[in-house]
N, C-alpha and C. Protein backbone atom coordinates (compact mmCIF):
# COMPACT_ATOMS: atom_id res chain seq x y z
N MET A 1 85.21 -21.78 68.32
CA MET A 1 84.51 -21.24 69.61
C MET A 1 85.26 -21.65 70.68
N GLN A 2 85.54 -20.64 71.67
CA GLN A 2 86.20 -20.78 73.01
C GLN A 2 85.30 -21.16 74.05
N VAL A 3 85.89 -21.68 75.04
CA VAL A 3 85.12 -21.93 76.32
C VAL A 3 85.80 -21.17 77.48
N LEU A 4 85.08 -20.50 78.25
CA LEU A 4 85.62 -19.97 79.50
C LEU A 4 85.21 -20.92 80.56
N GLN A 5 86.32 -21.30 81.31
CA GLN A 5 86.12 -22.19 82.49
C GLN A 5 86.64 -21.49 83.61
N VAL A 6 85.72 -21.43 84.72
CA VAL A 6 86.02 -20.88 86.03
C VAL A 6 85.89 -21.97 87.14
N GLN A 7 86.67 -21.99 88.06
CA GLN A 7 86.53 -22.99 89.11
C GLN A 7 86.95 -22.46 90.51
N LEU A 8 86.25 -23.12 91.46
CA LEU A 8 86.36 -22.75 92.94
C LEU A 8 86.51 -24.05 93.66
N GLU A 9 87.55 -24.03 94.51
CA GLU A 9 87.78 -25.16 95.41
C GLU A 9 86.87 -25.01 96.57
N ILE A 10 86.23 -25.93 96.97
CA ILE A 10 85.24 -26.23 98.05
C ILE A 10 85.90 -27.01 99.13
N GLY A 11 85.77 -26.47 100.51
CA GLY A 11 86.21 -27.25 101.63
C GLY A 11 85.11 -28.24 102.12
N PRO A 12 85.48 -29.12 102.92
CA PRO A 12 84.50 -30.27 103.31
C PRO A 12 83.66 -29.65 104.52
N ASP A 13 82.94 -28.50 104.31
CA ASP A 13 82.11 -27.83 105.39
C ASP A 13 80.88 -27.36 104.67
N PRO A 14 79.83 -27.86 105.22
CA PRO A 14 78.46 -27.30 104.68
C PRO A 14 78.51 -25.77 104.62
N ALA A 15 79.24 -24.90 105.45
CA ALA A 15 79.21 -23.45 105.22
C ALA A 15 79.72 -23.04 103.85
N GLU A 16 80.51 -23.93 103.31
CA GLU A 16 81.00 -23.66 101.78
C GLU A 16 79.94 -23.65 100.72
N VAL A 17 78.67 -24.19 101.03
CA VAL A 17 77.67 -24.18 99.95
C VAL A 17 77.27 -22.83 99.70
N GLY A 18 77.09 -21.91 100.68
CA GLY A 18 76.73 -20.48 100.59
C GLY A 18 77.77 -19.75 99.80
N ARG A 19 79.02 -19.96 100.16
CA ARG A 19 80.06 -19.30 99.52
C ARG A 19 80.27 -19.79 97.92
N ALA A 20 79.89 -20.98 97.64
CA ALA A 20 79.85 -21.36 96.23
C ALA A 20 78.66 -20.75 95.52
N ARG A 21 77.67 -20.58 96.18
CA ARG A 21 76.38 -19.76 95.45
C ARG A 21 76.70 -18.39 95.27
N ARG A 22 77.36 -17.85 96.34
CA ARG A 22 77.81 -16.38 95.92
C ARG A 22 78.94 -16.29 94.94
N TRP A 23 79.82 -17.10 94.87
CA TRP A 23 80.88 -17.20 93.89
C TRP A 23 80.18 -17.28 92.56
N ALA A 24 79.36 -18.34 92.43
CA ALA A 24 78.66 -18.85 91.06
C ALA A 24 77.77 -17.41 90.57
N ARG A 25 77.13 -16.88 91.46
CA ARG A 25 76.28 -15.82 91.01
C ARG A 25 77.07 -14.69 90.55
N SER A 26 78.23 -14.27 91.19
CA SER A 26 79.10 -13.30 90.68
C SER A 26 79.69 -13.70 89.17
N ARG A 27 79.96 -14.89 89.17
CA ARG A 27 80.47 -15.40 87.69
C ARG A 27 79.45 -15.35 86.74
N LEU A 28 78.20 -15.63 86.92
CA LEU A 28 77.17 -15.57 86.19
C LEU A 28 76.94 -14.22 85.61
N VAL A 29 76.99 -13.23 86.61
CA VAL A 29 76.83 -11.79 86.39
C VAL A 29 78.07 -11.39 85.48
N GLY A 30 79.23 -11.80 85.68
CA GLY A 30 80.30 -11.50 84.90
C GLY A 30 80.30 -11.91 83.50
N SER A 31 79.46 -13.06 83.24
CA SER A 31 79.30 -13.57 81.87
C SER A 31 78.25 -12.72 81.05
N GLY A 32 77.58 -11.92 81.81
CA GLY A 32 76.56 -11.01 81.10
C GLY A 32 75.16 -11.44 81.53
N MET A 33 74.91 -12.41 82.31
CA MET A 33 73.68 -12.99 82.68
C MET A 33 73.17 -12.16 83.86
N GLY A 34 71.95 -11.71 83.79
CA GLY A 34 71.40 -11.05 84.90
C GLY A 34 71.03 -11.92 86.18
N ASP A 35 71.52 -11.52 87.17
CA ASP A 35 71.43 -12.37 88.42
C ASP A 35 69.89 -12.74 88.92
N ASP A 36 68.92 -11.92 88.30
CA ASP A 36 67.50 -12.30 88.60
C ASP A 36 66.97 -13.00 87.38
N GLU A 37 67.47 -13.35 86.36
CA GLU A 37 67.12 -14.07 85.14
C GLU A 37 66.81 -15.46 85.81
N PRO A 38 65.60 -16.06 85.38
CA PRO A 38 65.20 -17.31 85.67
C PRO A 38 66.26 -18.48 85.42
N VAL A 39 66.98 -18.42 84.33
CA VAL A 39 68.09 -19.37 84.14
C VAL A 39 69.22 -19.33 85.19
N ALA A 40 69.49 -17.96 85.70
CA ALA A 40 70.41 -17.82 86.61
C ALA A 40 69.98 -18.37 87.86
N GLU A 41 68.84 -18.26 88.36
CA GLU A 41 68.29 -18.84 89.52
C GLU A 41 68.29 -20.37 89.48
N THR A 42 67.99 -20.91 88.36
CA THR A 42 68.02 -22.34 88.13
C THR A 42 69.57 -22.88 88.24
N LEU A 43 70.40 -22.21 87.72
CA LEU A 43 71.91 -22.53 87.82
C LEU A 43 72.35 -22.54 89.38
N ILE A 44 71.92 -21.32 89.93
CA ILE A 44 72.26 -21.37 91.34
C ILE A 44 71.77 -22.46 92.29
N LEU A 45 70.55 -22.81 91.87
CA LEU A 45 69.92 -24.03 92.70
C LEU A 45 70.54 -25.31 92.26
N LEU A 46 70.96 -25.50 91.00
CA LEU A 46 71.66 -26.72 90.68
C LEU A 46 72.99 -26.76 91.38
N ILE A 47 73.68 -25.72 91.34
CA ILE A 47 75.13 -25.66 91.94
C ILE A 47 74.81 -25.82 93.39
N SER A 48 73.82 -25.21 94.13
CA SER A 48 73.70 -25.54 95.59
C SER A 48 73.40 -26.95 95.87
N GLU A 49 72.63 -27.66 95.13
CA GLU A 49 72.41 -29.12 95.23
C GLU A 49 73.70 -29.84 94.89
N LEU A 50 74.39 -29.71 93.98
CA LEU A 50 75.60 -30.51 93.61
C LEU A 50 76.60 -30.31 94.75
N VAL A 51 76.92 -29.04 94.97
CA VAL A 51 78.03 -28.78 96.10
C VAL A 51 77.51 -29.35 97.37
N THR A 52 76.29 -29.26 97.76
CA THR A 52 75.66 -29.77 99.04
C THR A 52 75.99 -31.24 99.01
N ASN A 53 75.55 -31.98 97.88
CA ASN A 53 75.79 -33.42 97.88
C ASN A 53 77.17 -33.82 97.99
N ALA A 54 78.18 -33.13 97.41
CA ALA A 54 79.56 -33.45 97.44
C ALA A 54 80.05 -33.27 98.89
N VAL A 55 79.74 -32.03 99.53
CA VAL A 55 80.24 -31.86 100.87
C VAL A 55 79.58 -32.77 101.79
N VAL A 56 78.27 -32.96 101.85
CA VAL A 56 77.62 -33.84 102.87
C VAL A 56 77.94 -35.25 102.71
N HIS A 57 77.86 -35.77 101.44
CA HIS A 57 77.76 -37.25 101.21
C HIS A 57 79.17 -37.76 101.20
N THR A 58 80.17 -37.00 100.86
CA THR A 58 81.63 -37.51 100.78
C THR A 58 82.49 -37.00 101.90
N GLY A 59 82.16 -35.76 102.56
CA GLY A 59 82.98 -35.21 103.59
C GLY A 59 84.37 -34.91 103.20
N CYS A 60 84.52 -34.74 101.82
CA CYS A 60 85.83 -34.51 101.30
C CYS A 60 85.71 -33.11 100.55
N PRO A 61 86.83 -32.53 100.14
CA PRO A 61 86.90 -31.16 99.45
C PRO A 61 86.40 -31.61 98.01
N ALA A 62 85.88 -30.49 97.24
CA ALA A 62 85.53 -30.70 95.87
C ALA A 62 85.84 -29.46 95.01
N VAL A 63 85.70 -29.64 93.78
CA VAL A 63 85.99 -28.50 93.01
C VAL A 63 84.77 -28.10 92.12
N LEU A 64 84.30 -26.91 92.18
CA LEU A 64 83.08 -26.52 91.29
C LEU A 64 83.58 -25.71 90.23
N ARG A 65 83.14 -26.21 88.93
CA ARG A 65 83.60 -25.70 87.68
C ARG A 65 82.13 -25.17 86.87
N MET A 66 82.44 -24.01 86.29
CA MET A 66 81.39 -23.51 85.41
C MET A 66 82.15 -23.19 84.02
N LEU A 67 81.29 -23.58 83.04
CA LEU A 67 81.93 -23.75 81.76
C LEU A 67 80.97 -22.81 80.86
N PHE A 68 81.32 -21.80 80.18
CA PHE A 68 80.73 -20.88 79.37
C PHE A 68 81.22 -20.95 77.96
N GLY A 69 80.48 -21.26 76.86
CA GLY A 69 80.92 -21.10 75.57
C GLY A 69 80.80 -19.50 75.09
N SER A 70 81.47 -19.31 73.93
CA SER A 70 81.43 -17.88 73.57
C SER A 70 80.01 -17.63 73.23
N GLY A 71 79.57 -16.45 73.64
CA GLY A 71 78.04 -16.05 73.43
C GLY A 71 77.19 -16.64 74.44
N ALA A 72 77.74 -17.35 75.41
CA ALA A 72 76.77 -18.27 76.37
C ALA A 72 75.89 -17.29 77.13
N ALA A 73 76.21 -16.02 77.23
CA ALA A 73 75.33 -15.13 78.05
C ALA A 73 74.00 -14.88 77.28
N GLU A 74 74.16 -14.93 75.96
CA GLU A 74 72.93 -14.67 75.14
C GLU A 74 72.13 -15.86 74.58
N ALA A 75 72.88 -16.79 74.27
CA ALA A 75 72.37 -18.14 74.02
C ALA A 75 73.43 -19.25 74.08
N GLY A 76 73.07 -20.38 74.38
CA GLY A 76 74.04 -21.38 74.50
C GLY A 76 73.78 -22.33 75.68
N THR A 77 74.87 -22.75 76.12
CA THR A 77 74.77 -23.94 77.13
C THR A 77 75.78 -23.48 78.35
N VAL A 78 75.36 -23.55 79.54
CA VAL A 78 76.18 -23.36 80.81
C VAL A 78 76.36 -24.77 81.38
N ARG A 79 77.61 -25.18 81.49
CA ARG A 79 77.80 -26.49 82.18
C ARG A 79 78.29 -26.18 83.60
N VAL A 80 77.83 -27.01 84.46
CA VAL A 80 78.30 -26.89 85.92
C VAL A 80 78.81 -28.32 86.09
N GLU A 81 80.05 -28.49 86.80
CA GLU A 81 80.56 -29.68 87.28
C GLU A 81 81.08 -29.48 88.64
N VAL A 82 80.87 -30.72 89.38
CA VAL A 82 81.39 -30.63 90.72
C VAL A 82 82.22 -31.99 90.80
N ALA A 83 83.35 -31.88 91.11
CA ALA A 83 84.38 -33.08 91.06
C ALA A 83 84.81 -33.30 92.48
N ASP A 84 84.88 -34.45 93.12
CA ASP A 84 85.21 -34.74 94.31
C ASP A 84 86.13 -36.11 94.31
N ILE A 85 86.77 -36.33 95.39
CA ILE A 85 87.67 -37.50 95.47
C ILE A 85 87.07 -38.80 95.97
N SER A 86 85.76 -38.89 95.98
CA SER A 86 85.10 -40.06 96.49
C SER A 86 84.58 -40.82 95.09
N ALA A 87 84.97 -42.13 95.11
CA ALA A 87 84.73 -43.04 93.98
C ALA A 87 83.22 -43.34 94.05
N CYS A 88 82.58 -43.30 95.06
CA CYS A 88 81.18 -43.77 95.29
C CYS A 88 80.39 -43.00 94.08
N PRO A 89 79.55 -43.66 93.39
CA PRO A 89 78.67 -42.98 92.40
C PRO A 89 77.40 -42.37 93.17
N PRO A 90 77.05 -41.43 92.55
CA PRO A 90 75.72 -40.75 93.15
C PRO A 90 74.75 -41.80 93.09
N ARG A 91 73.70 -41.71 94.22
CA ARG A 91 72.57 -42.56 94.24
C ARG A 91 71.31 -41.72 94.45
N PRO A 92 70.61 -41.60 93.42
CA PRO A 92 69.44 -40.96 93.59
C PRO A 92 68.46 -41.56 94.68
N ARG A 93 67.91 -40.80 95.69
CA ARG A 93 67.22 -41.29 96.61
C ARG A 93 65.66 -40.63 96.39
N HIS A 94 64.85 -41.33 97.02
CA HIS A 94 63.34 -40.76 96.88
C HIS A 94 62.84 -40.25 98.41
N ALA A 95 62.67 -39.09 98.58
CA ALA A 95 62.26 -38.54 99.88
C ALA A 95 60.72 -38.86 99.88
N ALA A 96 60.31 -39.06 101.21
CA ALA A 96 58.90 -39.23 101.46
C ALA A 96 58.48 -38.17 102.28
N GLY A 97 57.18 -37.76 101.92
CA GLY A 97 56.35 -36.84 102.73
C GLY A 97 57.23 -35.59 103.13
N GLU A 98 57.40 -35.39 104.42
CA GLU A 98 58.13 -34.25 104.95
C GLU A 98 59.67 -34.37 105.23
N ASP A 99 60.18 -35.41 104.58
CA ASP A 99 61.63 -35.66 104.79
C ASP A 99 62.41 -34.38 104.27
N THR A 100 63.53 -34.19 104.92
CA THR A 100 64.34 -32.89 104.66
C THR A 100 65.30 -33.06 103.79
N ASN A 101 65.67 -34.50 103.43
CA ASN A 101 66.69 -34.95 102.66
C ASN A 101 66.18 -35.75 101.48
N GLY A 102 67.09 -35.91 100.59
CA GLY A 102 66.83 -37.01 99.59
C GLY A 102 66.15 -36.42 98.38
N ARG A 103 66.10 -35.05 98.16
CA ARG A 103 65.47 -34.59 96.97
C ARG A 103 66.57 -33.94 96.00
N GLY A 104 67.72 -33.91 96.40
CA GLY A 104 68.83 -33.11 95.41
C GLY A 104 68.81 -33.58 94.04
N LEU A 105 69.16 -34.85 93.89
CA LEU A 105 69.22 -35.31 92.50
C LEU A 105 67.87 -35.42 91.69
N GLU A 106 66.84 -35.36 92.33
CA GLU A 106 65.56 -35.33 91.68
C GLU A 106 65.33 -33.89 91.15
N LEU A 107 65.75 -32.77 92.03
CA LEU A 107 65.83 -31.55 91.51
C LEU A 107 66.62 -31.22 90.42
N VAL A 108 67.89 -31.90 90.46
CA VAL A 108 68.82 -31.76 89.36
C VAL A 108 68.19 -32.41 88.12
N ASP A 109 67.60 -33.59 88.17
CA ASP A 109 66.91 -34.23 86.99
C ASP A 109 65.83 -33.32 86.50
N GLY A 110 65.15 -32.64 87.31
CA GLY A 110 63.95 -31.92 86.95
C GLY A 110 64.29 -30.68 86.36
N LEU A 111 65.49 -29.92 86.86
CA LEU A 111 65.90 -28.58 86.34
C LEU A 111 66.84 -28.54 85.28
N ALA A 112 67.77 -29.35 85.18
CA ALA A 112 68.78 -29.48 84.10
C ALA A 112 68.29 -30.05 82.91
N ASP A 113 68.84 -29.42 81.73
CA ASP A 113 68.46 -30.04 80.47
C ASP A 113 69.20 -31.44 80.13
N ARG A 114 70.32 -31.55 80.80
CA ARG A 114 71.09 -32.94 80.85
C ARG A 114 72.08 -32.96 82.09
N TRP A 115 72.14 -34.11 82.57
CA TRP A 115 73.10 -34.20 83.70
C TRP A 115 73.75 -35.83 83.71
N GLY A 116 74.63 -36.02 84.42
CA GLY A 116 75.21 -37.38 84.58
C GLY A 116 76.49 -37.24 85.34
N TRP A 117 77.36 -38.37 85.28
CA TRP A 117 78.40 -38.27 86.15
C TRP A 117 79.63 -39.34 85.46
N GLN A 118 80.70 -39.04 85.72
CA GLN A 118 81.82 -39.96 85.07
C GLN A 118 83.02 -39.87 86.12
N PRO A 119 83.81 -40.88 85.94
CA PRO A 119 84.90 -41.12 86.74
C PRO A 119 85.90 -39.91 86.58
N GLU A 120 86.59 -39.56 87.53
CA GLU A 120 87.64 -38.47 87.22
C GLU A 120 88.79 -38.74 88.28
N GLY A 121 89.83 -39.20 87.69
CA GLY A 121 91.08 -39.71 88.58
C GLY A 121 90.69 -40.71 89.69
N ALA A 122 90.77 -40.59 90.89
CA ALA A 122 90.39 -41.59 91.89
C ALA A 122 88.99 -41.31 92.29
N GLY A 123 88.32 -40.04 91.86
CA GLY A 123 86.97 -39.72 92.28
C GLY A 123 85.95 -39.71 91.21
N LYS A 124 85.12 -38.69 91.11
CA LYS A 124 84.08 -38.71 90.14
C LYS A 124 83.83 -37.06 89.81
N ARG A 125 83.06 -36.83 88.83
CA ARG A 125 82.72 -35.61 88.45
C ARG A 125 81.19 -35.70 88.04
N ILE A 126 80.30 -34.89 88.67
CA ILE A 126 78.88 -34.76 88.33
C ILE A 126 78.75 -33.60 87.65
N TRP A 127 78.00 -33.68 86.66
CA TRP A 127 77.80 -32.50 85.51
C TRP A 127 76.33 -32.36 85.27
N CYS A 128 76.05 -31.05 84.89
CA CYS A 128 74.74 -30.89 84.44
C CYS A 128 74.88 -29.80 83.49
N GLU A 129 73.91 -29.63 82.53
CA GLU A 129 73.86 -28.59 81.60
C GLU A 129 72.53 -27.79 81.50
N VAL A 130 72.56 -26.56 81.33
CA VAL A 130 71.43 -25.75 81.05
C VAL A 130 71.42 -24.89 79.94
N ASP A 131 70.56 -25.08 79.05
CA ASP A 131 70.50 -24.40 77.73
C ASP A 131 69.78 -23.10 77.91
N ARG A 132 70.34 -22.06 77.35
CA ARG A 132 69.75 -20.80 77.49
C ARG A 132 68.90 -20.57 76.21
N GLY A 133 68.89 -21.37 75.33
CA GLY A 133 68.15 -21.02 74.02
C GLY A 133 66.74 -21.36 74.16
N ALA A 134 65.88 -21.73 73.16
CA ALA A 134 64.50 -21.90 73.35
C ALA A 134 64.13 -23.03 74.14
N PRO A 135 63.26 -22.94 75.07
CA PRO A 135 62.60 -24.07 75.83
C PRO A 135 62.17 -25.31 74.88
N ASP A 136 62.27 -26.39 75.33
CA ASP A 136 61.76 -27.56 74.63
C ASP A 136 62.26 -27.83 73.36
N ALA A 137 63.49 -27.22 73.06
CA ALA A 137 64.08 -27.45 71.71
C ALA A 137 64.46 -28.94 71.64
N PRO A 138 64.07 -29.53 70.48
CA PRO A 138 64.51 -30.84 70.35
C PRO A 138 66.04 -31.04 70.42
N VAL A 139 66.43 -32.20 70.97
CA VAL A 139 67.92 -32.52 71.04
C VAL A 139 67.91 -34.06 70.74
N GLU A 140 68.97 -34.29 69.75
CA GLU A 140 69.24 -35.72 69.34
C GLU A 140 69.56 -36.57 70.48
N ASP A 141 69.18 -37.73 70.56
CA ASP A 141 69.38 -38.68 71.66
C ASP A 141 70.70 -39.33 71.31
N SER A 142 71.42 -39.62 72.42
CA SER A 142 72.63 -40.47 72.38
C SER A 142 72.97 -40.91 73.76
N PRO A 143 73.71 -41.97 73.95
CA PRO A 143 73.95 -42.44 75.25
C PRO A 143 74.74 -41.52 76.16
N GLY A 144 74.57 -41.43 77.43
CA GLY A 144 75.45 -40.80 78.22
C GLY A 144 74.94 -39.96 79.23
N SER A 145 73.65 -39.60 79.14
CA SER A 145 73.26 -38.53 80.19
C SER A 145 71.77 -38.86 80.41
N SER A 146 71.12 -38.36 81.64
CA SER A 146 69.67 -38.72 81.80
C SER A 146 68.66 -37.84 81.35
N ARG A 147 68.95 -36.89 80.49
CA ARG A 147 67.83 -35.94 80.30
C ARG A 147 68.20 -35.18 78.86
N THR A 148 67.23 -34.79 78.05
CA THR A 148 67.28 -34.05 76.93
C THR A 148 66.58 -32.86 77.13
N SER A 149 66.52 -31.77 76.39
CA SER A 149 65.78 -30.60 76.46
C SER A 149 64.24 -30.86 76.43
N GLY A 150 63.47 -30.42 77.30
CA GLY A 150 62.04 -30.45 77.13
C GLY A 150 61.41 -31.83 77.58
N ALA A 151 62.16 -32.84 77.53
CA ALA A 151 61.26 -34.04 77.90
C ALA A 151 62.18 -35.05 78.61
N PRO A 152 61.75 -35.58 79.61
CA PRO A 152 62.55 -36.63 80.36
C PRO A 152 62.73 -37.79 79.48
N THR A 153 63.98 -38.01 79.12
CA THR A 153 64.22 -39.28 78.35
C THR A 153 65.47 -39.94 78.99
N ALA A 154 65.74 -41.15 78.55
CA ALA A 154 66.91 -41.85 79.22
C ALA A 154 68.24 -41.41 78.60
N HIS A 155 68.31 -40.62 77.62
CA HIS A 155 69.54 -40.27 77.03
C HIS A 155 69.60 -38.90 76.37
N GLY A 156 70.86 -38.34 76.41
CA GLY A 156 70.88 -36.90 75.76
C GLY A 156 72.31 -36.86 75.33
N PRO A 157 72.67 -35.65 74.76
CA PRO A 157 74.13 -35.54 74.31
C PRO A 157 75.11 -35.99 75.28
N VAL A 158 76.21 -36.51 74.63
CA VAL A 158 77.32 -36.80 75.30
C VAL A 158 78.42 -35.72 75.04
N PRO A 159 79.15 -35.15 76.04
CA PRO A 159 80.13 -34.14 75.76
C PRO A 159 81.24 -34.74 74.73
N GLY A 160 81.34 -34.00 73.79
CA GLY A 160 82.41 -34.43 72.58
C GLY A 160 81.82 -35.34 71.61
N SER A 161 80.51 -35.63 71.76
CA SER A 161 79.96 -36.57 70.75
C SER A 161 79.57 -36.04 69.40
N GLY A 162 79.34 -34.71 69.39
CA GLY A 162 79.01 -33.96 68.21
C GLY A 162 77.59 -33.91 68.26
N THR A 163 76.80 -34.19 69.29
CA THR A 163 75.32 -34.12 69.44
C THR A 163 74.86 -33.07 70.59
N GLY A 164 75.93 -32.08 70.85
CA GLY A 164 75.55 -31.11 71.76
C GLY A 164 76.51 -31.16 72.85
N GLY A 165 76.50 -30.16 73.69
CA GLY A 165 77.50 -30.09 74.76
C GLY A 165 78.85 -29.72 74.40
N TYR A 166 79.81 -29.97 75.30
CA TYR A 166 81.15 -29.40 75.19
C TYR A 166 82.04 -30.55 74.72
N GLY A 167 82.98 -30.24 73.92
CA GLY A 167 84.01 -31.26 73.61
C GLY A 167 84.45 -30.93 72.10
N ALA A 168 85.40 -31.78 71.61
CA ALA A 168 86.03 -31.55 70.35
C ALA A 168 85.15 -31.39 69.22
N ALA A 169 84.11 -32.24 69.10
CA ALA A 169 83.07 -32.23 68.00
C ALA A 169 82.29 -30.87 67.95
N ALA A 170 82.15 -30.24 69.27
CA ALA A 170 81.45 -29.02 69.30
C ALA A 170 82.33 -27.82 69.15
N GLY A 171 83.59 -28.16 68.83
CA GLY A 171 84.56 -26.99 68.46
C GLY A 171 85.26 -26.35 69.66
N TYR A 172 85.40 -27.17 70.63
CA TYR A 172 85.91 -26.73 71.91
C TYR A 172 87.43 -27.30 72.03
N GLY A 173 88.10 -27.72 71.16
CA GLY A 173 89.27 -28.21 71.20
C GLY A 173 89.36 -29.85 71.50
N PRO A 174 90.38 -30.30 72.02
CA PRO A 174 90.51 -31.75 72.48
C PRO A 174 89.45 -32.03 73.47
N ALA A 175 88.60 -33.02 73.35
CA ALA A 175 87.53 -33.36 74.25
C ALA A 175 88.20 -33.77 75.48
N PRO A 176 87.95 -33.01 76.61
CA PRO A 176 88.61 -33.24 77.92
C PRO A 176 87.76 -34.35 78.78
N TYR A 177 86.68 -34.84 78.30
CA TYR A 177 85.84 -35.76 78.90
C TYR A 177 85.99 -37.04 78.59
N GLN A 178 85.84 -37.97 79.47
CA GLN A 178 85.83 -39.53 79.33
C GLN A 178 84.21 -39.76 78.84
N PRO A 179 84.18 -40.86 78.32
CA PRO A 179 82.59 -41.23 78.09
C PRO A 179 81.79 -40.95 79.33
N SER A 180 80.54 -40.66 79.34
CA SER A 180 79.64 -40.34 80.44
C SER A 180 79.03 -41.60 80.88
N TYR A 181 78.57 -41.68 82.03
CA TYR A 181 77.86 -42.81 82.62
C TYR A 181 76.60 -42.19 83.20
N GLY A 182 75.52 -42.11 82.37
CA GLY A 182 74.35 -41.42 82.74
C GLY A 182 73.83 -42.30 83.93
N ILE A 183 72.94 -41.55 84.84
CA ILE A 183 72.10 -42.11 85.94
C ILE A 183 70.80 -42.32 85.47
N PRO A 184 70.15 -43.65 85.58
CA PRO A 184 68.91 -43.83 84.96
C PRO A 184 67.88 -43.11 85.81
N ARG A 185 66.79 -42.64 85.24
CA ARG A 185 65.71 -41.96 85.77
C ARG A 185 65.01 -42.99 86.82
N PRO A 186 64.59 -42.43 87.82
CA PRO A 186 63.80 -43.34 88.77
C PRO A 186 62.52 -43.90 88.02
N ALA A 187 62.15 -45.17 88.31
CA ALA A 187 61.02 -45.78 87.85
C ALA A 187 59.68 -45.15 88.32
């Protein structure tokens, strides 16, 4: 099975978030996914949150990547990654009442089937995956991410672990990822 990876360089300007959404929407349509499909809307929201976090909280350029496996438009997983040059790990915050900030990672946690982060060079990569298959499909637990399909749990598939996601064990060639360091769910 082959993986199609597309990427966009993002400047350290909040206006880049809108450009990233437009770019991602065009790539989703190019993969065969309808731009009005609920999964496409979910992916666009996840991309918006992750790019916003990278631009606002690091003030550095970032790279947005989308990975599609063969047939991903019909069934499969779409992986979104945002890499930046800040070594600071993401910190989930809890917004109170009418706060306008602090909900981004909570949205990612609630919408993505799996997500986490890992070091990349001098910085980090935050990733999430959305499955296009049946909702609430059981996924075997393993260390490395903060969510599995259908139910919030402490662990999910690790890329390259053979339990789902992308990597050598999933048939995507040499595993390009280091072990993940999942972010614990808020208590």
